[in-house]
C-alpha atoms as a PDB file:
ATOM      1  CA  MET A   1     102.957 144.695 150.356  1.00  0.00           C
ATOM      2  CA  ALA A   2     105.430 143.114 147.763  1.00  0.00           C
ATOM      3  CA  SER A   3     107.128 140.115 148.926  1.00  0.00           C
ATOM      4  CA  SER A   4     110.791 141.694 148.392  1.00  0.00           C
ATOM      5  CA  GLY A   5     112.450 142.122 151.534  1.00  0.00           C
ATOM      6  CA  LYS A   6     110.626 139.245 153.454  1.00  0.00           C
ATOM      7  CA  ARG A   7     113.177 137.237 155.348  1.00  0.00           C
ATOM      8  CA  ARG A   8     110.589 134.572 155.963  1.00  0.00           C
ATOM      9  CA  THR A   9     106.802 133.845 156.357  1.00  0.00           C
ATOM     10  CA  ILE A  10     105.548 131.645 159.234  1.00  0.00           C
ATOM     11  CA  GLN A  11     101.975 130.445 160.116  1.00  0.00           C
ATOM     12  CA  ASP A  12     100.924 130.808 163.645  1.00  0.00           C
ATOM     13  CA  ARG A  13      98.861 127.859 165.432  1.00  0.00           C
ATOM     14  CA  ASP A  14      95.511 129.572 164.019  1.00  0.00           C
ATOM     15  CA  GLY A  15      96.884 129.541 160.362  1.00  0.00           C
ATOM     16  CA  ASN A  16      97.551 133.461 160.311  1.00  0.00           C
ATOM     17  CA  PRO A  17     100.553 134.124 158.051  1.00  0.00           C
ATOM     18  CA  ILE A  18     103.016 136.307 159.558  1.00  0.00           C
ATOM     19  CA  TYR A  19     106.154 137.582 157.938  1.00  0.00           C
ATOM     20  CA  LEU A  20     109.591 138.903 159.113  1.00  0.00           C
ATOM     21  CA  THR A  21     111.385 141.298 156.832  1.00  0.00           C
ATOM     22  CA  GLU A  22     115.144 141.691 156.605  1.00  0.00           C
ATOM     23  CA  GLU A  23     114.736 145.281 157.711  1.00  0.00           C
ATOM     24  CA  ARG A  24     113.160 144.362 161.003  1.00  0.00           C
ATOM     25  CA  TRP A  25     115.412 141.404 161.656  1.00  0.00           C
ATOM     26  CA  GLN A  26     118.326 143.867 161.332  1.00  0.00           C
ATOM     27  CA  HIS A  27     116.695 146.437 163.453  1.00  0.00           C
ATOM     28  CA  ILE A  28     115.800 143.839 166.237  1.00  0.00           C
ATOM     29  CA  VAL A  29     119.395 142.521 166.400  1.00  0.00           C
ATOM     30  CA  GLU A  30     121.065 145.900 166.256  1.00  0.00           C
ATOM     31  CA  ASP A  31     123.484 146.488 169.221  1.00  0.00           C
ATOM     32  CA  ASN A  32     121.324 149.012 171.000  1.00  0.00           C
ATOM     33  CA  ASN A  33     118.295 146.682 170.659  1.00  0.00           C
ATOM     34  CA  HIS A  34     118.375 142.928 171.117  1.00  0.00           C
ATOM     35  CA  PRO A  35     121.784 141.639 169.720  1.00  0.00           C
ATOM     36  CA  GLU A  36     121.417 138.550 172.013  1.00  0.00           C
ATOM     37  CA  LEU A  37     118.641 137.334 169.877  1.00  0.00           C
ATOM     38  CA  LYS A  38     120.895 137.186 166.710  1.00  0.00           C
ATOM     39  CA  ASP A  39     121.594 133.410 167.022  1.00  0.00           C
ATOM     40  CA  TYR A  40     117.853 132.635 168.026  1.00  0.00           C
ATOM     41  CA  GLU A  41     115.947 133.352 164.780  1.00  0.00           C
ATOM     42  CA  ASP A  42     114.629 129.647 164.816  1.00  0.00           C
ATOM     43  CA  ASN A  43     113.540 130.139 168.262  1.00  0.00           C
ATOM     44  CA  LEU A  44     111.363 133.236 167.284  1.00  0.00           C
ATOM     45  CA  LYS A  45     110.097 131.135 164.495  1.00  0.00           C
ATOM     46  CA  MET A  46     109.007 128.363 166.844  1.00  0.00           C
ATOM     47  CA  THR A  47     107.521 131.073 169.164  1.00  0.00           C
ATOM     48  CA  ILE A  48     105.463 132.341 166.411  1.00  0.00           C
ATOM     49  CA  ARG A  49     104.351 128.863 165.368  1.00  0.00           C
ATOM     50  CA  GLN A  50     103.678 127.228 168.812  1.00  0.00           C
ATOM     51  CA  GLY A  51     103.664 130.058 171.373  1.00  0.00           C
ATOM     52  CA  ARG A  52     100.884 131.499 173.499  1.00  0.00           C
ATOM     53  CA  ARG A  53      99.460 134.480 171.875  1.00  0.00           C
ATOM     54  CA  ARG A  54      97.851 137.413 173.778  1.00  0.00           C
ATOM     55  CA  GLN A  55      96.245 140.504 172.182  1.00  0.00           C
ATOM     56  CA  GLU A  56      97.459 143.868 173.617  1.00  0.00           C
ATOM     57  CA  PRO A  57      94.493 145.515 175.419  1.00  0.00           C
ATOM     58  CA  LEU A  58      95.391 149.139 174.148  1.00  0.00           C
ATOM     59  CA  ASN A  59      95.978 148.114 170.437  1.00  0.00           C
ATOM     60  CA  PRO A  60      93.668 145.310 169.248  1.00  0.00           C
ATOM     61  CA  ARG A  61      95.955 144.973 166.140  1.00  0.00           C
ATOM     62  CA  LYS A  62      98.995 144.006 168.242  1.00  0.00           C
ATOM     63  CA  TYR A  63      99.621 140.543 169.555  1.00  0.00           C
ATOM     64  CA  ARG A  64     102.426 139.190 171.975  1.00  0.00           C
ATOM     65  CA  TYR A  65     103.871 135.542 171.190  1.00  0.00           C
ATOM     66  CA  VAL A  66     105.594 133.995 174.165  1.00  0.00           C
ATOM     67  CA  ARG A  67     107.088 130.543 174.417  1.00  0.00           C
ATOM     68  CA  PRO A  68     109.693 128.994 176.741  1.00  0.00           C
ATOM     69  CA  PHE A  69     112.981 127.536 175.862  1.00  0.00           C
ATOM     70  CA  ASP A  70     115.754 125.851 177.693  1.00  0.00           C
ATOM     71  CA  ASP A  71     118.596 126.706 175.158  1.00  0.00           C
ATOM     72  CA  LEU A  72     118.645 130.420 175.681  1.00  0.00           C
ATOM     73  CA  PRO A  73     121.675 132.650 177.134  1.00  0.00           C
ATOM     74  CA  ALA A  74     121.906 132.739 180.894  1.00  0.00           C
ATOM     75  CA  GLY A  75     119.279 134.920 182.512  1.00  0.00           C
ATOM     76  CA  PHE A  76     116.509 134.236 179.730  1.00  0.00           C
ATOM     77  CA  ASN A  77     114.093 131.603 179.452  1.00  0.00           C
ATOM     78  CA  HIS A  78     111.513 132.969 176.847  1.00  0.00           C
ATOM     79  CA  VAL A  79     111.346 134.514 173.380  1.00  0.00           C
ATOM     80  CA  VAL A  80     108.758 137.214 172.886  1.00  0.00           C
ATOM     81  CA  GLY A  81     107.455 138.177 169.366  1.00  0.00           C
ATOM     82  CA  ILE A  82     105.470 141.215 168.834  1.00  0.00           C
ATOM     83  CA  VAL A  83     103.082 141.029 165.698  1.00  0.00           C
ATOM     84  CA  ILE A  84     101.062 143.633 164.164  1.00  0.00           C
ATOM     85  CA  PHE A  85      98.068 142.262 162.361  1.00  0.00           C
ATOM     86  CA  GLY A  86      96.564 144.057 159.296  1.00  0.00           C
ATOM     87  CA  PHE A  87      95.261 143.900 155.733  1.00  0.00           C
ATOM     88  CA  ASP A  88      96.491 145.104 152.365  1.00  0.00           C
ATOM     89  CA  VAL A  89      94.966 145.060 148.852  1.00  0.00           C
ATOM     90  CA  ASN A  90      96.783 142.735 146.194  1.00  0.00           C
ATOM     91  CA  THR A  91      97.199 143.551 142.393  1.00  0.00           C
ATOM     92  CA  GLN A  92      93.839 141.859 141.865  1.00  0.00           C
ATOM     93  CA  GLY A  93      92.042 144.202 144.283  1.00  0.00           C
ATOM     94  CA  ALA A  94      91.457 141.375 146.862  1.00  0.00           C
ATOM     95  CA  THR A  95      91.982 142.062 150.651  1.00  0.00           C
ATOM     96  CA  VAL A  96      94.939 139.984 151.958  1.00  0.00           C
ATOM     97  CA  PRO A  97      96.395 139.553 155.355  1.00  0.00           C
ATOM     98  CA  ASN A  98      99.401 141.825 156.236  1.00  0.00           C
ATOM     99  CA  ASN A  99     100.769 140.331 159.549  1.00  0.00           C
ATOM    100  CA  PHE A 100     104.338 141.002 160.359  1.00  0.00           C
ATOM    101  CA  ILE A 101     106.683 140.743 163.344  1.00  0.00           C
ATOM    102  CA  ALA A 102     107.460 144.283 164.531  1.00  0.00           C
ATOM    103  CA  THR A 103     110.148 143.333 167.198  1.00  0.00           C
ATOM    104  CA  ALA A 104     111.398 140.434 169.346  1.00  0.00           C
ATOM    105  CA  LEU A 105     113.205 139.926 172.475  1.00  0.00           C
ATOM    106  CA  LEU A 106     114.572 137.467 174.856  1.00  0.00           C
ATOM    107  CA  THR A 107     113.258 137.676 178.534  1.00  0.00           C
ATOM    108  CA  HIS A 108     113.175 135.885 181.816  1.00  0.00           C
ATOM    109  CA  ILE A 109     109.535 135.073 182.978  1.00  0.00           C
ATOM    110  CA  ARG A 110     109.265 133.759 186.504  1.00  0.00           C
ATOM    111  CA  PRO A 111     107.114 130.374 186.698  1.00  0.00           C
ATOM    112  CA  ARG A 112     103.775 130.952 188.462  1.00  0.00           C
ATOM    113  CA  GLY A 113     104.026 129.962 192.069  1.00  0.00           C
ATOM    114  CA  GLY A 114     107.784 129.980 191.892  1.00  0.00           C
END
C-alpha cells in the first residue's frame, strides 16, 4: 500500500510496524462510532507501543491491543486498538508488512479480583 493516507506509523513492543490511515481515524471518531476517542489519539499510539497484545482466536490475523490509562473520560479506563496483520508486495517485488489499525475504542475493564 502506498504511504499516502497514512496518518502515522507506530511500532509495537515486538517491532511490528502498524499504521493508522486518515480514513480509519475519521471512521473511528465519527459520531455514531467512538467520538469519545477524538482527543485520545496519543493514548491509542501508546496502547499500540506498550499495550498487552492478544491474538483473536477466530481470526489469527487480528490482534487486540489493550492498555490502561488514568486520564480518560469518566467511565473509561482502557484504550483498545484492533490491528489487522498482513503482507503486501512493494514495487521491487519484496514482501513487506501491511499491519493497520482497523478500529479503536475506550472501554472500562474491571480489575481482576475487584
